[in-house]
Amino acid sequence: MRGGSRLLAALATAALLAGTAGCGSDSSQESDKDAGEKFSSVADQSTCLADATAAATPWPDGFPDDWPFPARTTAYNVEDRGADGVIVTAVTGSVFKDVLAFMNKDVADAGYEVESGETEEHDAEAEWTGNGYRGRWAIRESAQCPGETVIQVLSTH
């Protein structure tokens, strides 16, 4: 899939710029998997909702103005990666299973449809497209804050 390959390349670039390290591979399947893992590992899982300070708005042009977040969510980090997209990191006072349901229903109802994804016990991620944007979201149970969930969304035109 051409768009998916470009998105994965953008994710890999974003992960490298964030300073995450990974092993090289000749296999494109392994490279694609590494890019997804690097994206989701970029999220700061130690910021609790009580300590999160909302990022300044308006956010850069590559992120949709109407992207929905669950109630009791603070987006505390916004990274503009130029052509590679915009990454927004947030923390919410909702438990993982409720955030997963929100991402699969409310985000989709807002016009951002999941194209593919993976769910595990404590984290989930998906590639999405809609409303003139495309990207990837990842959610994880907070490492430090029981009952809270970290949300990270990459978006580009």
N, C-alpha and C. Protein backbone atom coordinates (compact mmCIF):
# COMPACT_ATOMS: atom_id res chain seq x y z
N MET A 1 0.84 -1.17 0.00
CA MET A 1 0.00 0.00 0.00
C MET A 1 0.89 1.23 0.00
N ARG A 2 0.76 2.08 -0.98
CA ARG A 2 1.66 3.21 -1.16
C ARG A 2 1.56 4.21 -0.02
N GLY A 3 0.33 4.65 0.36
CA GLY A 3 0.15 5.60 1.44
C GLY A 3 0.64 5.05 2.76
N GLY A 4 0.41 3.76 3.00
CA GLY A 4 0.86 3.12 4.24
C GLY A 4 2.36 3.11 4.32
N SER A 5 3.05 2.89 3.19
CA SER A 5 4.51 2.89 3.19
C SER A 5 5.05 4.26 3.51
N ARG A 6 4.41 5.30 2.95
CA ARG A 6 4.86 6.67 3.25
C ARG A 6 4.63 6.99 4.72
N LEU A 7 3.49 6.55 5.27
CA LEU A 7 3.20 6.80 6.68
C LEU A 7 4.23 6.10 7.55
N LEU A 8 4.53 4.84 7.22
CA LEU A 8 5.51 4.12 8.02
C LEU A 8 6.89 4.76 7.92
N ALA A 9 7.23 5.28 6.74
CA ALA A 9 8.50 5.99 6.60
C ALA A 9 8.49 7.24 7.46
N ALA A 10 7.37 7.94 7.50
CA ALA A 10 7.27 9.13 8.34
C ALA A 10 7.39 8.76 9.81
N LEU A 11 6.76 7.66 10.21
CA LEU A 11 6.86 7.21 11.59
C LEU A 11 8.29 6.86 11.96
N ALA A 12 8.98 6.19 11.05
CA ALA A 12 10.37 5.83 11.31
C ALA A 12 11.23 7.07 11.46
N THR A 13 11.01 8.06 10.59
CA THR A 13 11.77 9.30 10.68
C THR A 13 11.46 10.02 11.99
N ALA A 14 10.19 10.08 12.34
CA ALA A 14 9.81 10.74 13.58
C ALA A 14 10.45 10.06 14.78
N ALA A 15 10.46 8.74 14.76
CA ALA A 15 11.07 8.00 15.88
C ALA A 15 12.56 8.27 15.96
N LEU A 16 13.22 8.31 14.83
CA LEU A 16 14.66 8.58 14.82
C LEU A 16 14.95 9.99 15.33
N LEU A 17 14.13 10.96 14.92
CA LEU A 17 14.33 12.32 15.37
C LEU A 17 14.11 12.45 16.87
N ALA A 18 13.27 11.59 17.42
CA ALA A 18 12.99 11.63 18.85
C ALA A 18 14.11 10.99 19.67
N GLY A 19 15.07 10.41 18.97
CA GLY A 19 16.22 9.85 19.68
C GLY A 19 16.05 8.41 20.10
N THR A 20 15.03 7.74 19.59
CA THR A 20 14.89 6.34 19.93
C THR A 20 15.84 5.54 19.07
N ALA A 21 16.39 4.49 19.60
CA ALA A 21 17.34 3.67 18.85
C ALA A 21 16.66 2.38 18.43
N GLY A 22 17.06 1.85 17.30
CA GLY A 22 16.51 0.58 16.83
C GLY A 22 17.54 -0.13 15.99
N CYS A 23 17.34 -1.39 15.80
CA CYS A 23 18.26 -2.19 15.00
C CYS A 23 17.85 -2.12 13.55
N GLY A 24 18.82 -2.10 12.65
CA GLY A 24 18.54 -2.11 11.23
C GLY A 24 18.15 -3.51 10.79
N SER A 25 17.44 -3.56 9.66
CA SER A 25 17.00 -4.85 9.16
C SER A 25 16.84 -4.77 7.66
N ASP A 26 17.11 -5.88 6.97
CA ASP A 26 16.91 -5.92 5.54
C ASP A 26 15.48 -6.28 5.18
N SER A 27 14.72 -6.75 6.14
CA SER A 27 13.35 -7.16 5.88
C SER A 27 12.41 -5.97 6.03
N SER A 28 11.61 -5.69 4.99
CA SER A 28 10.68 -4.57 5.07
C SER A 28 9.60 -4.84 6.11
N GLN A 29 9.20 -6.09 6.29
CA GLN A 29 8.21 -6.40 7.31
C GLN A 29 8.75 -6.06 8.70
N GLU A 30 9.99 -6.43 8.98
CA GLU A 30 10.58 -6.12 10.27
C GLU A 30 10.74 -4.62 10.42
N SER A 31 11.11 -3.90 9.37
CA SER A 31 11.25 -2.46 9.42
C SER A 31 9.92 -1.81 9.72
N ASP A 32 8.83 -2.27 9.08
CA ASP A 32 7.51 -1.73 9.33
C ASP A 32 7.12 -1.95 10.79
N LYS A 33 7.38 -3.12 11.32
CA LYS A 33 7.07 -3.42 12.70
C LYS A 33 7.89 -2.53 13.64
N ASP A 34 9.17 -2.36 13.35
CA ASP A 34 10.02 -1.51 14.17
C ASP A 34 9.50 -0.08 14.18
N ALA A 35 9.05 0.45 13.04
CA ALA A 35 8.55 1.82 12.97
C ALA A 35 7.35 1.99 13.89
N GLY A 36 6.43 1.04 13.87
CA GLY A 36 5.26 1.11 14.74
C GLY A 36 5.64 1.03 16.20
N GLU A 37 6.56 0.17 16.54
CA GLU A 37 7.00 0.05 17.92
C GLU A 37 7.72 1.31 18.37
N LYS A 38 8.55 1.90 17.50
CA LYS A 38 9.26 3.13 17.85
C LYS A 38 8.27 4.27 18.08
N PHE A 39 7.23 4.38 17.24
CA PHE A 39 6.24 5.43 17.40
C PHE A 39 5.58 5.33 18.77
N SER A 40 5.10 4.14 19.11
CA SER A 40 4.39 4.01 20.37
C SER A 40 5.30 4.12 21.57
N SER A 41 6.60 3.86 21.40
CA SER A 41 7.51 3.98 22.53
C SER A 41 7.95 5.42 22.78
N VAL A 42 7.63 6.34 21.85
CA VAL A 42 8.02 7.73 22.01
C VAL A 42 7.21 8.40 23.12
N ALA A 43 5.97 7.95 23.35
CA ALA A 43 5.10 8.59 24.33
C ALA A 43 5.70 8.53 25.73
N ASP A 44 5.67 9.68 26.41
CA ASP A 44 6.09 9.77 27.79
C ASP A 44 4.99 9.15 28.64
N GLN A 45 5.27 8.02 29.23
CA GLN A 45 4.26 7.31 30.01
C GLN A 45 4.32 7.66 31.49
N SER A 46 5.17 8.61 31.87
CA SER A 46 5.33 8.92 33.29
C SER A 46 4.62 10.20 33.72
N THR A 47 4.06 10.97 32.80
CA THR A 47 3.34 12.19 33.15
C THR A 47 1.93 11.82 33.58
N CYS A 48 1.57 12.22 34.79
CA CYS A 48 0.22 11.97 35.30
C CYS A 48 -0.68 13.15 34.96
N LEU A 49 -1.96 12.91 34.91
CA LEU A 49 -2.93 13.93 34.57
C LEU A 49 -2.80 15.14 35.49
N ALA A 50 -2.59 14.91 36.78
CA ALA A 50 -2.47 16.01 37.75
C ALA A 50 -1.26 16.90 37.47
N ASP A 51 -0.25 16.35 36.81
CA ASP A 51 0.99 17.10 36.53
C ASP A 51 1.06 17.63 35.10
N ALA A 52 0.12 17.26 34.25
CA ALA A 52 0.17 17.64 32.84
C ALA A 52 -0.29 19.08 32.66
N THR A 53 0.48 19.83 31.89
CA THR A 53 0.13 21.20 31.52
C THR A 53 -0.24 21.20 30.05
N ALA A 54 -1.40 21.77 29.75
CA ALA A 54 -1.89 21.76 28.36
C ALA A 54 -0.92 22.47 27.43
N ALA A 55 -0.67 21.85 26.28
CA ALA A 55 0.18 22.44 25.24
C ALA A 55 -0.52 23.66 24.66
N ALA A 56 0.28 24.61 24.22
CA ALA A 56 -0.27 25.83 23.63
C ALA A 56 -1.02 25.51 22.34
N THR A 57 -2.07 26.24 22.09
CA THR A 57 -2.83 26.12 20.86
C THR A 57 -2.77 27.46 20.15
N PRO A 58 -3.03 27.54 18.86
CA PRO A 58 -3.46 26.44 18.01
C PRO A 58 -2.30 25.50 17.69
N TRP A 59 -2.66 24.26 17.41
CA TRP A 59 -1.65 23.27 17.05
C TRP A 59 -1.27 23.45 15.59
N PRO A 60 -0.14 22.89 15.20
CA PRO A 60 0.31 23.03 13.80
C PRO A 60 -0.73 22.51 12.80
N ASP A 61 -0.60 22.99 11.57
CA ASP A 61 -1.54 22.71 10.49
C ASP A 61 -1.72 21.23 10.19
N GLY A 62 -0.76 20.38 10.43
CA GLY A 62 -0.86 18.98 10.08
C GLY A 62 -1.74 18.15 11.00
N PHE A 63 -2.33 18.78 12.04
CA PHE A 63 -3.17 18.05 12.99
C PHE A 63 -4.60 18.58 12.88
N PRO A 64 -5.60 17.68 12.79
CA PRO A 64 -6.98 18.13 12.62
C PRO A 64 -7.51 18.88 13.85
N ASP A 65 -8.17 20.02 13.58
CA ASP A 65 -8.75 20.82 14.67
C ASP A 65 -9.84 20.07 15.43
N ASP A 66 -10.48 19.13 14.75
CA ASP A 66 -11.62 18.44 15.37
C ASP A 66 -11.30 17.02 15.86
N TRP A 67 -10.01 16.70 16.03
CA TRP A 67 -9.67 15.36 16.53
C TRP A 67 -10.23 15.22 17.94
N PRO A 68 -11.04 14.20 18.19
CA PRO A 68 -11.64 14.05 19.52
C PRO A 68 -10.72 13.33 20.51
N PHE A 69 -10.70 13.82 21.72
CA PHE A 69 -10.03 13.15 22.83
C PHE A 69 -11.08 12.86 23.89
N PRO A 70 -10.89 11.81 24.70
CA PRO A 70 -11.85 11.52 25.77
C PRO A 70 -11.94 12.68 26.77
N ALA A 71 -13.05 12.74 27.49
CA ALA A 71 -13.19 13.71 28.58
C ALA A 71 -12.04 13.50 29.57
N ARG A 72 -11.70 14.53 30.30
CA ARG A 72 -10.62 14.49 31.31
C ARG A 72 -9.28 14.13 30.66
N THR A 73 -8.99 14.75 29.51
CA THR A 73 -7.73 14.52 28.80
C THR A 73 -6.98 15.84 28.69
N THR A 74 -5.67 15.79 28.92
CA THR A 74 -4.81 16.96 28.69
C THR A 74 -3.75 16.58 27.67
N ALA A 75 -3.74 17.31 26.56
CA ALA A 75 -2.69 17.15 25.55
C ALA A 75 -1.54 18.04 26.01
N TYR A 76 -0.42 17.43 26.40
CA TYR A 76 0.67 18.18 27.02
C TYR A 76 1.92 18.31 26.18
N ASN A 77 1.99 17.63 25.04
CA ASN A 77 3.16 17.75 24.19
C ASN A 77 2.73 17.69 22.73
N VAL A 78 3.19 18.67 21.95
CA VAL A 78 2.89 18.73 20.52
C VAL A 78 4.22 18.92 19.80
N GLU A 79 4.51 18.00 18.89
CA GLU A 79 5.75 18.06 18.12
C GLU A 79 5.43 18.20 16.64
N ASP A 80 5.88 19.30 16.04
CA ASP A 80 5.69 19.51 14.61
C ASP A 80 6.92 18.95 13.89
N ARG A 81 6.72 17.89 13.15
CA ARG A 81 7.82 17.24 12.42
C ARG A 81 7.79 17.60 10.94
N GLY A 82 7.20 18.74 10.61
CA GLY A 82 7.16 19.19 9.22
C GLY A 82 6.41 18.21 8.34
N ALA A 83 7.04 17.81 7.25
CA ALA A 83 6.41 16.89 6.29
C ALA A 83 6.11 15.52 6.89
N ASP A 84 6.78 15.19 8.00
CA ASP A 84 6.54 13.89 8.64
C ASP A 84 5.30 13.90 9.52
N GLY A 85 4.73 15.06 9.79
CA GLY A 85 3.50 15.13 10.55
C GLY A 85 3.64 15.81 11.89
N VAL A 86 2.55 15.78 12.63
CA VAL A 86 2.46 16.38 13.96
C VAL A 86 2.12 15.26 14.94
N ILE A 87 2.86 15.20 16.04
CA ILE A 87 2.60 14.20 17.08
C ILE A 87 2.07 14.91 18.31
N VAL A 88 0.89 14.50 18.78
CA VAL A 88 0.30 15.04 19.99
C VAL A 88 0.28 13.92 21.03
N THR A 89 0.82 14.24 22.20
CA THR A 89 0.82 13.28 23.31
C THR A 89 -0.07 13.84 24.42
N ALA A 90 -0.94 12.98 24.94
CA ALA A 90 -1.91 13.39 25.95
C ALA A 90 -2.02 12.31 27.02
N VAL A 91 -2.58 12.68 28.15
CA VAL A 91 -2.89 11.72 29.21
C VAL A 91 -4.34 11.96 29.62
N THR A 92 -5.04 10.88 29.90
CA THR A 92 -6.44 10.98 30.29
C THR A 92 -6.69 10.23 31.59
N GLY A 93 -7.70 10.68 32.31
CA GLY A 93 -8.07 10.04 33.57
C GLY A 93 -8.95 8.83 33.36
N SER A 94 -9.06 8.34 32.15
CA SER A 94 -9.87 7.16 31.84
C SER A 94 -8.99 5.92 31.76
N VAL A 95 -9.56 4.79 32.15
CA VAL A 95 -8.82 3.53 32.09
C VAL A 95 -8.67 3.08 30.64
N PHE A 96 -7.68 2.23 30.41
CA PHE A 96 -7.32 1.77 29.07
C PHE A 96 -8.51 1.25 28.28
N LYS A 97 -9.30 0.36 28.84
CA LYS A 97 -10.40 -0.25 28.08
C LYS A 97 -11.42 0.79 27.63
N ASP A 98 -11.65 1.82 28.45
CA ASP A 98 -12.58 2.88 28.06
C ASP A 98 -12.00 3.76 26.95
N VAL A 99 -10.69 4.02 27.02
CA VAL A 99 -10.03 4.81 25.98
C VAL A 99 -10.03 4.02 24.67
N LEU A 100 -9.78 2.73 24.73
CA LEU A 100 -9.81 1.90 23.53
C LEU A 100 -11.20 1.95 22.88
N ALA A 101 -12.24 1.84 23.67
CA ALA A 101 -13.60 1.93 23.14
C ALA A 101 -13.84 3.30 22.51
N PHE A 102 -13.36 4.36 23.15
CA PHE A 102 -13.50 5.72 22.62
C PHE A 102 -12.80 5.85 21.26
N MET A 103 -11.56 5.35 21.18
CA MET A 103 -10.79 5.46 19.95
C MET A 103 -11.46 4.70 18.80
N ASN A 104 -12.07 3.57 19.11
CA ASN A 104 -12.70 2.75 18.07
C ASN A 104 -14.10 3.21 17.70
N LYS A 105 -14.77 3.95 18.59
CA LYS A 105 -16.12 4.40 18.28
C LYS A 105 -16.19 5.90 18.05
N ASP A 106 -15.86 6.68 19.06
CA ASP A 106 -16.03 8.13 18.97
C ASP A 106 -15.11 8.77 17.93
N VAL A 107 -13.86 8.31 17.89
CA VAL A 107 -12.93 8.84 16.89
C VAL A 107 -13.40 8.46 15.49
N ALA A 108 -13.84 7.21 15.34
CA ALA A 108 -14.37 6.77 14.04
C ALA A 108 -15.63 7.54 13.67
N ASP A 109 -16.51 7.79 14.65
CA ASP A 109 -17.73 8.55 14.39
C ASP A 109 -17.42 9.99 13.96
N ALA A 110 -16.25 10.50 14.34
CA ALA A 110 -15.83 11.85 13.94
C ALA A 110 -15.22 11.86 12.54
N GLY A 111 -15.16 10.69 11.89
CA GLY A 111 -14.69 10.62 10.52
C GLY A 111 -13.27 10.10 10.35
N TYR A 112 -12.66 9.60 11.43
CA TYR A 112 -11.29 9.08 11.38
C TYR A 112 -11.34 7.56 11.53
N GLU A 113 -11.41 6.88 10.39
CA GLU A 113 -11.61 5.43 10.36
C GLU A 113 -10.30 4.66 10.51
N VAL A 114 -10.32 3.62 11.31
CA VAL A 114 -9.17 2.73 11.48
C VAL A 114 -8.99 1.90 10.22
N GLU A 115 -7.77 1.87 9.70
CA GLU A 115 -7.46 1.03 8.54
C GLU A 115 -6.88 -0.31 8.98
N SER A 116 -6.06 -0.30 10.01
CA SER A 116 -5.50 -1.53 10.58
C SER A 116 -5.04 -1.21 11.98
N GLY A 117 -4.90 -2.24 12.79
CA GLY A 117 -4.47 -2.00 14.16
C GLY A 117 -4.16 -3.27 14.90
N GLU A 118 -3.72 -3.08 16.13
CA GLU A 118 -3.35 -4.20 16.98
C GLU A 118 -3.66 -3.82 18.42
N THR A 119 -4.25 -4.75 19.17
CA THR A 119 -4.57 -4.52 20.57
C THR A 119 -3.94 -5.61 21.42
N GLU A 120 -3.27 -5.19 22.48
CA GLU A 120 -2.70 -6.11 23.46
C GLU A 120 -3.31 -5.77 24.81
N GLU A 121 -2.86 -6.44 25.85
CA GLU A 121 -3.47 -6.28 27.17
C GLU A 121 -3.37 -4.86 27.71
N HIS A 122 -2.24 -4.19 27.52
CA HIS A 122 -2.02 -2.88 28.11
C HIS A 122 -1.77 -1.77 27.09
N ASP A 123 -1.84 -2.09 25.81
CA ASP A 123 -1.62 -1.07 24.78
C ASP A 123 -2.32 -1.46 23.49
N ALA A 124 -2.53 -0.45 22.65
CA ALA A 124 -3.15 -0.66 21.34
C ALA A 124 -2.66 0.43 20.41
N GLU A 125 -2.69 0.14 19.12
CA GLU A 125 -2.32 1.14 18.12
C GLU A 125 -3.06 0.85 16.84
N ALA A 126 -3.24 1.90 16.06
CA ALA A 126 -3.95 1.74 14.79
C ALA A 126 -3.52 2.82 13.82
N GLU A 127 -3.58 2.46 12.54
CA GLU A 127 -3.41 3.44 11.48
C GLU A 127 -4.80 3.90 11.08
N TRP A 128 -4.95 5.18 10.80
CA TRP A 128 -6.25 5.75 10.51
C TRP A 128 -6.16 6.71 9.34
N THR A 129 -7.33 7.02 8.77
CA THR A 129 -7.44 8.01 7.70
C THR A 129 -8.81 8.66 7.80
N GLY A 130 -8.88 9.93 7.40
CA GLY A 130 -10.17 10.59 7.35
C GLY A 130 -10.06 12.10 7.37
N ASN A 131 -11.08 12.74 6.81
CA ASN A 131 -11.20 14.20 6.82
C ASN A 131 -9.97 14.91 6.25
N GLY A 132 -9.32 14.27 5.28
CA GLY A 132 -8.16 14.87 4.64
C GLY A 132 -6.84 14.63 5.36
N TYR A 133 -6.85 13.80 6.39
CA TYR A 133 -5.66 13.49 7.17
C TYR A 133 -5.44 11.99 7.20
N ARG A 134 -4.26 11.60 7.62
CA ARG A 134 -3.96 10.19 7.87
C ARG A 134 -2.93 10.14 8.98
N GLY A 135 -2.83 8.99 9.62
CA GLY A 135 -1.85 8.90 10.71
C GLY A 135 -1.94 7.60 11.47
N ARG A 136 -1.53 7.69 12.71
CA ARG A 136 -1.47 6.53 13.59
C ARG A 136 -1.77 7.01 15.00
N TRP A 137 -2.53 6.23 15.75
CA TRP A 137 -2.69 6.52 17.17
C TRP A 137 -2.20 5.32 17.97
N ALA A 138 -1.73 5.61 19.17
CA ALA A 138 -1.29 4.57 20.09
C ALA A 138 -1.77 4.96 21.48
N ILE A 139 -2.25 3.97 22.23
CA ILE A 139 -2.65 4.20 23.62
C ILE A 139 -1.97 3.16 24.49
N ARG A 140 -1.62 3.58 25.71
CA ARG A 140 -0.98 2.68 26.68
C ARG A 140 -1.44 3.03 28.08
N GLU A 141 -1.57 2.01 28.90
CA GLU A 141 -1.80 2.28 30.31
C GLU A 141 -0.62 3.09 30.82
N SER A 142 -0.89 4.07 31.66
CA SER A 142 0.18 4.88 32.21
C SER A 142 1.10 4.01 33.07
N ALA A 143 2.40 4.22 32.93
CA ALA A 143 3.38 3.45 33.70
C ALA A 143 3.42 3.89 35.16
N GLN A 144 3.06 5.13 35.42
CA GLN A 144 3.19 5.68 36.77
C GLN A 144 1.87 6.02 37.46
N CYS A 145 0.79 6.12 36.71
CA CYS A 145 -0.45 6.67 37.24
C CYS A 145 -1.60 5.69 37.07
N PRO A 146 -1.92 4.92 38.10
CA PRO A 146 -3.00 3.93 37.99
C PRO A 146 -4.31 4.56 37.53
N GLY A 147 -4.97 3.88 36.58
CA GLY A 147 -6.26 4.34 36.08
C GLY A 147 -6.16 5.39 34.99
N GLU A 148 -4.95 5.76 34.60
CA GLU A 148 -4.78 6.75 33.55
C GLU A 148 -4.20 6.09 32.30
N THR A 149 -4.41 6.73 31.16
CA THR A 149 -3.96 6.19 29.88
C THR A 149 -3.27 7.28 29.08
N VAL A 150 -2.14 6.93 28.47
CA VAL A 150 -1.42 7.85 27.59
C VAL A 150 -1.92 7.65 26.18
N ILE A 151 -2.17 8.76 25.48
CA ILE A 151 -2.65 8.73 24.09
C ILE A 151 -1.62 9.49 23.26
N GLN A 152 -1.24 8.89 22.14
CA GLN A 152 -0.35 9.58 21.21
C GLN A 152 -0.95 9.47 19.81
N VAL A 153 -1.01 10.60 19.12
CA VAL A 153 -1.60 10.64 17.79
C VAL A 153 -0.61 11.32 16.84
N LEU A 154 -0.28 10.62 15.75
CA LEU A 154 0.49 11.20 14.66
C LEU A 154 -0.48 11.51 13.54
N SER A 155 -0.38 12.72 13.00
CA SER A 155 -1.26 13.14 11.92
C SER A 155 -0.46 13.87 10.85
N THR A 156 -0.85 13.66 9.60
CA THR A 156 -0.29 14.39 8.48
C THR A 156 -1.33 14.49 7.39
N HIS A 157 -1.12 15.42 6.46
CA HIS A 157 -2.05 15.57 5.32
C HIS A 157 -1.73 14.53 4.29
